[in-house]
């Protein structure tokens, strides 16, 4: 089976490397890549032993699965042009574009095309993405398992009902930036207090990692864990109270709502 990638940016690069450079068993000779400038596709192909194509049409003609690895605005530009090529080959089509629904994609692809919508995050670069997927009615169980296997090479995969896909885009996609911002802010505060930022960032990141593992593996919800950390009249409760007084939780909810609104706005664009 052959796999084609239209686009060769950071996310596609992470996916192709996950497929070919680890123990997943996918071969570069079965992967075809193109990009707008072609130069990024050449670099990726050289790293992974993949094949470079000069056009999207060529990628489609050689592939059984085509991954659309371009941004939403680019997707809306290229899909009408590629309709004849998809009609000839009828591959499985996978989109990683934010906001673009299965309905939108089906309107720009041949009838009965198996379509899978996927949302990975930037942690794919180290094989630690949390990736959401959903498919239309033409995606067979075998195809769904194949797509899950491809994206499991860059982290964990969870099937999401499309009605909740925009929500996943926030908590599984955009929220990584929130986590990075939180860690950087703490490291800056430690720098202000006298600790070298590099050391502070390492400590902060390790603490966040441990806290995430505690929630995932310890079986306790976050708030009871907060109670366990906060001693009566202690230091931690002072910090928690300060965060709450400053609207920490409310600010996060507003950030969530902003991303959700933008995702829906992108989906409404033709």
Protein backbone atom coordinates (compact mmCIF):
# COMPACT_ATOMS: atom_id res chain seq x y z
CA UNK A 1 0.00 0.00 0.00
CA UNK A 2 1.26 3.47 -0.89
CA UNK A 3 0.82 6.66 1.13
CA UNK A 4 0.85 10.17 -0.26
CA UNK A 5 1.37 13.48 1.52
CA UNK A 6 0.35 16.83 0.07
CA UNK A 7 2.35 19.31 2.12
CA UNK A 8 5.66 18.77 3.90
CA UNK A 9 5.56 21.09 6.89
CA UNK A 10 6.37 20.32 10.52
CA UNK A 11 3.37 18.07 11.13
CA UNK A 12 3.74 16.03 7.94
CA UNK A 13 7.45 15.74 8.69
CA UNK A 14 6.68 14.33 12.13
CA UNK A 15 4.18 11.83 10.70
CA UNK A 16 6.47 10.58 7.94
CA UNK A 17 9.39 10.26 10.35
CA UNK A 18 7.18 8.42 12.82
CA UNK A 19 6.15 6.00 10.10
CA UNK A 20 9.62 5.33 8.72
CA UNK A 21 12.32 6.04 11.31
CA UNK A 22 10.94 4.08 14.24
CA UNK A 23 9.80 0.48 14.51
CA UNK A 24 6.44 0.98 12.78
CA UNK A 25 7.45 -0.96 9.71
CA UNK A 26 6.39 1.53 7.02
CA UNK A 27 8.87 1.85 4.16
CA UNK A 28 9.95 5.11 2.62
CA UNK A 29 9.67 3.58 -0.83
CA UNK A 30 5.90 3.41 -0.31
CA UNK A 31 5.58 7.08 0.60
CA UNK A 32 5.15 9.96 -1.85
CA UNK A 33 5.53 13.59 -0.78
CA UNK A 34 5.05 16.96 -2.42
CA UNK A 35 5.00 20.56 -1.21
CA UNK A 36 4.43 24.00 -2.66
CA UNK A 37 8.12 24.79 -2.99
CA UNK A 38 9.11 21.10 -3.38
CA UNK A 39 12.32 21.86 -1.45
CA UNK A 40 10.77 20.90 1.90
CA UNK A 41 9.49 17.68 0.33
CA UNK A 42 12.99 16.92 -0.99
CA UNK A 43 14.53 17.41 2.45
CA UNK A 44 11.94 15.19 4.13
CA UNK A 45 12.25 12.50 1.47
CA UNK A 46 16.02 12.42 1.87
CA UNK A 47 15.68 11.92 5.64
CA UNK A 48 13.12 9.14 5.35
CA UNK A 49 13.90 7.44 2.04
CA UNK A 50 10.59 8.59 0.58
CA UNK A 51 9.74 9.63 -2.97
CA UNK A 52 9.41 13.25 -4.07
CA UNK A 53 6.64 14.30 -6.44
CA UNK A 54 6.54 17.65 -8.20
CA UNK A 55 2.74 17.92 -8.16
CA UNK A 56 -0.22 16.92 -6.01
CA UNK A 57 -1.67 15.19 -9.05
CA UNK A 58 1.32 12.84 -9.14
CA UNK A 59 0.97 12.07 -5.41
CA UNK A 60 -2.69 11.17 -5.82
CA UNK A 61 -2.03 8.95 -8.84
CA UNK A 62 0.51 6.88 -6.89
CA UNK A 63 -1.23 6.61 -3.52
CA UNK A 64 -3.89 4.44 -1.89
CA UNK A 65 -4.10 6.83 1.09
CA UNK A 66 -3.63 10.58 0.62
CA UNK A 67 -2.93 12.78 3.66
CA UNK A 68 -3.82 16.43 3.11
CA UNK A 69 -1.18 18.14 5.24
CA UNK A 70 -1.94 21.76 4.40
CA UNK A 71 -3.56 24.62 6.32
CA UNK A 72 -7.32 25.21 6.03
CA UNK A 73 -7.04 28.22 3.70
CA UNK A 74 -4.74 26.30 1.36
CA UNK A 75 -7.04 23.29 1.46
CA UNK A 76 -9.96 25.36 0.20
CA UNK A 77 -7.79 26.55 -2.69
CA UNK A 78 -6.46 23.20 -3.88
CA UNK A 79 -9.39 20.80 -3.42
CA UNK A 80 -11.48 22.06 -6.38
CA UNK A 81 -8.44 21.74 -8.65
CA UNK A 82 -7.75 18.18 -7.51
CA UNK A 83 -11.28 16.80 -7.86
CA UNK A 84 -10.57 15.16 -11.28
CA UNK A 85 -7.44 13.48 -9.92
CA UNK A 86 -9.24 12.11 -6.87
CA UNK A 87 -12.04 10.87 -9.13
CA UNK A 88 -9.61 8.80 -11.21
CA UNK A 89 -7.85 7.16 -8.26
CA UNK A 90 -10.45 7.22 -5.43
CA UNK A 91 -7.96 6.89 -2.55
CA UNK A 92 -8.73 7.14 1.13
CA UNK A 93 -8.41 10.83 2.02
CA UNK A 94 -7.13 12.01 5.39
CA UNK A 95 -7.26 15.68 6.41
CA UNK A 96 -5.39 17.30 9.28
CA UNK A 97 -6.80 20.79 8.59
CA UNK A 98 -8.40 22.46 11.60
CA UNK A 99 -12.07 23.32 11.33
CA UNK A 100 -12.77 21.54 8.05
CA UNK A 101 -15.56 19.05 8.70
CA UNK A 102 -16.30 15.73 7.05
CA UNK A 103 -19.26 17.37 5.34
CA UNK A 104 -17.06 20.13 3.94
CA UNK A 105 -14.50 17.62 2.70
CA UNK A 106 -17.16 15.40 1.13
CA UNK A 107 -18.48 18.38 -0.84
CA UNK A 108 -15.05 18.82 -2.43
CA UNK A 109 -14.26 15.15 -3.08
CA UNK A 110 -15.85 12.46 -5.26
CA UNK A 111 -19.01 10.81 -3.98
CA UNK A 112 -18.43 7.87 -1.63
CA UNK A 113 -14.82 8.82 -0.93
CA UNK A 114 -13.64 7.34 2.41
CA UNK A 115 -12.66 10.42 4.42
CA UNK A 116 -10.91 10.56 7.79
CA UNK A 117 -10.50 13.73 9.76
CA UNK A 118 -7.47 13.78 12.05
CA UNK A 119 -6.15 16.29 14.60
CA UNK A 120 -2.62 15.64 15.90
CA UNK A 121 -0.59 18.14 17.92
CA UNK A 122 2.97 19.46 17.77
CA UNK A 123 4.17 16.92 20.36
CA UNK A 124 4.17 14.53 17.40
CA UNK A 125 7.75 15.73 16.85
CA UNK A 126 8.83 13.51 19.76
CA UNK A 127 6.19 10.79 19.33
CA UNK A 128 3.99 12.21 22.09
CA UNK A 129 0.99 13.61 20.21
CA UNK A 130 -2.57 13.12 21.39
CA UNK A 131 -4.41 12.60 18.11
CA UNK A 132 -8.16 12.61 17.53
CA UNK A 133 -9.77 10.89 14.55
CA UNK A 134 -13.22 10.48 13.04
CA UNK A 135 -14.37 9.12 9.69
CA UNK A 136 -17.36 9.20 7.39
CA UNK A 137 -19.67 6.30 6.61
CA UNK A 138 -17.45 5.05 3.78
CA UNK A 139 -14.51 4.34 6.06
CA UNK A 140 -14.37 0.60 6.70
CA UNK A 141 -13.19 -0.85 10.04
CA UNK A 142 -10.01 -1.99 8.28
CA UNK A 143 -9.28 1.49 6.95
CA UNK A 144 -9.97 3.04 10.36
CA UNK A 145 -7.49 0.64 11.97
CA UNK A 146 -4.93 1.51 9.31
CA UNK A 147 -5.24 5.24 9.94
CA UNK A 148 -5.10 4.67 13.69
CA UNK A 149 -1.92 2.65 13.18
CA UNK A 150 -0.32 5.39 11.09
CA UNK A 151 -0.99 8.05 13.70
CA UNK A 152 -0.05 5.79 16.60
CA UNK A 153 3.52 6.15 15.31
CA UNK A 154 3.48 9.73 16.66
CA UNK A 155 1.69 9.13 19.96
CA UNK A 156 -1.72 8.09 21.27
CA UNK A 157 -4.91 8.02 19.17
CA UNK A 158 -8.47 8.51 20.35
CA UNK A 159 -11.64 8.20 18.28
CA UNK A 160 -13.84 11.28 18.68
CA UNK A 161 -17.42 11.78 17.56
CA UNK A 162 -17.33 14.61 15.04
CA UNK A 163 -19.89 16.56 17.06
CA UNK A 164 -17.13 16.95 19.66
CA UNK A 165 -14.20 17.33 17.30
CA UNK A 166 -13.96 21.09 17.74
CA UNK A 167 -13.74 20.54 21.50
CA UNK A 168 -10.94 18.04 20.95
CA UNK A 169 -9.16 20.60 18.78
CA UNK A 170 -8.93 22.82 21.86
CA UNK A 171 -8.02 20.35 24.60
CA UNK A 172 -5.97 18.00 22.41
CA UNK A 173 -4.48 20.52 19.99
CA UNK A 174 -4.34 24.18 20.99
CA UNK A 175 -3.92 23.45 24.70
CA UNK A 176 -0.31 22.39 24.19
CA UNK A 177 0.44 26.08 23.62
CA UNK A 178 -1.33 26.89 26.90
CA UNK A 179 0.88 24.34 28.67
CA UNK A 180 4.02 25.80 27.08
CA UNK A 181 2.92 29.31 28.13
CA UNK A 182 2.32 28.14 31.71
CA UNK A 183 5.75 26.53 31.92
CA UNK A 184 7.51 29.54 30.43
CA UNK A 185 5.73 31.93 32.81
CA UNK A 186 6.84 29.88 35.84
CA UNK A 187 10.40 29.72 34.52
CA UNK A 188 10.39 33.50 34.04
CA UNK A 189 9.17 33.96 37.60
CA UNK A 190 11.97 31.71 38.87
CA UNK A 191 14.46 33.71 36.79
CA UNK A 192 13.17 36.90 38.42
CA UNK A 193 13.67 35.27 41.84
CA UNK A 194 17.27 34.33 41.03
CA UNK A 195 17.31 30.85 39.42
CA UNK A 196 18.79 30.36 35.92
CA UNK A 197 15.92 30.04 33.47
CA UNK A 198 17.24 26.86 31.83
CA UNK A 199 17.30 25.08 35.19
CA UNK A 200 13.90 26.46 36.15
CA UNK A 201 12.31 25.37 32.88
CA UNK A 202 13.66 21.84 33.28
CA UNK A 203 12.28 21.59 36.81
CA UNK A 204 8.92 23.05 35.73
CA UNK A 205 8.58 20.71 32.75
CA UNK A 206 9.43 17.66 34.86
CA UNK A 207 6.88 18.73 37.45
CA UNK A 208 4.18 19.15 34.79
CA UNK A 209 5.06 15.73 33.38
CA UNK A 210 4.82 14.14 36.82
CA UNK A 211 1.50 15.87 37.52
CA UNK A 212 0.08 14.60 34.23
CA UNK A 213 1.17 11.07 35.08
CA UNK A 214 -0.43 11.41 38.51
CA UNK A 215 -3.80 12.21 36.93
CA UNK A 216 -3.50 9.49 34.28
CA UNK A 217 -2.06 6.73 36.42
CA UNK A 218 -3.05 7.63 39.99
CA UNK A 219 -6.78 7.45 39.45
CA UNK A 220 -7.52 10.73 41.24
CA UNK A 221 -9.09 13.87 39.81
CA UNK A 222 -7.08 17.12 39.89
CA UNK A 223 -8.98 18.91 42.66
CA UNK A 224 -8.51 16.24 45.37
CA UNK A 225 -4.82 16.26 44.46
CA UNK A 226 -4.74 20.03 44.92
CA UNK A 227 -6.23 19.55 48.39
CA UNK A 228 -3.46 17.06 49.21
CA UNK A 229 -0.77 19.58 48.24
CA UNK A 230 -2.31 22.49 50.16
CA UNK A 231 -1.57 22.39 53.89
CA UNK A 232 -3.64 24.55 56.28
CA UNK A 233 -2.03 27.97 56.48
CA UNK A 234 0.74 26.76 54.15
CA UNK A 235 2.55 28.21 51.17
CA UNK A 236 0.80 26.38 48.32
CA UNK A 237 -2.70 27.48 49.27
CA UNK A 238 -1.47 31.07 49.12
CA UNK A 239 -0.43 30.53 45.50
CA UNK A 240 -3.67 28.72 44.60
CA UNK A 241 -5.76 31.47 46.19
CA UNK A 242 -3.77 34.09 44.28
CA UNK A 243 -4.37 32.29 40.97
CA UNK A 244 -8.09 32.06 41.67
CA UNK A 245 -8.29 35.72 42.68
CA UNK A 246 -6.53 36.62 39.42
CA UNK A 247 -9.07 34.70 37.36
CA UNK A 248 -6.79 31.81 36.38
CA UNK A 249 -9.60 29.33 35.76
CA UNK A 250 -11.86 31.92 34.13
CA UNK A 251 -9.04 32.99 31.83
CA UNK A 252 -8.49 29.40 30.72
CA UNK A 253 -12.20 29.00 29.98
CA UNK A 254 -12.11 32.20 27.91
CA UNK A 255 -9.09 30.89 26.02
CA UNK A 256 -10.95 27.63 25.40
CA UNK A 257 -13.98 29.53 24.10
CA UNK A 258 -11.80 31.69 21.82
CA UNK A 259 -10.16 28.68 20.18
CA UNK A 260 -13.51 26.91 19.83
CA UNK A 261 -15.07 29.96 18.17
CA UNK A 262 -12.15 30.28 15.74
CA UNK A 263 -12.32 26.59 14.85
CA UNK A 264 -16.01 26.92 14.04
CA UNK A 265 -15.39 30.10 12.02
CA UNK A 266 -12.77 28.31 9.92
CA UNK A 267 -15.25 25.51 9.31
CA UNK A 268 -17.87 27.94 8.05
CA UNK A 269 -15.59 29.43 5.40
CA UNK A 270 -16.13 28.00 1.94
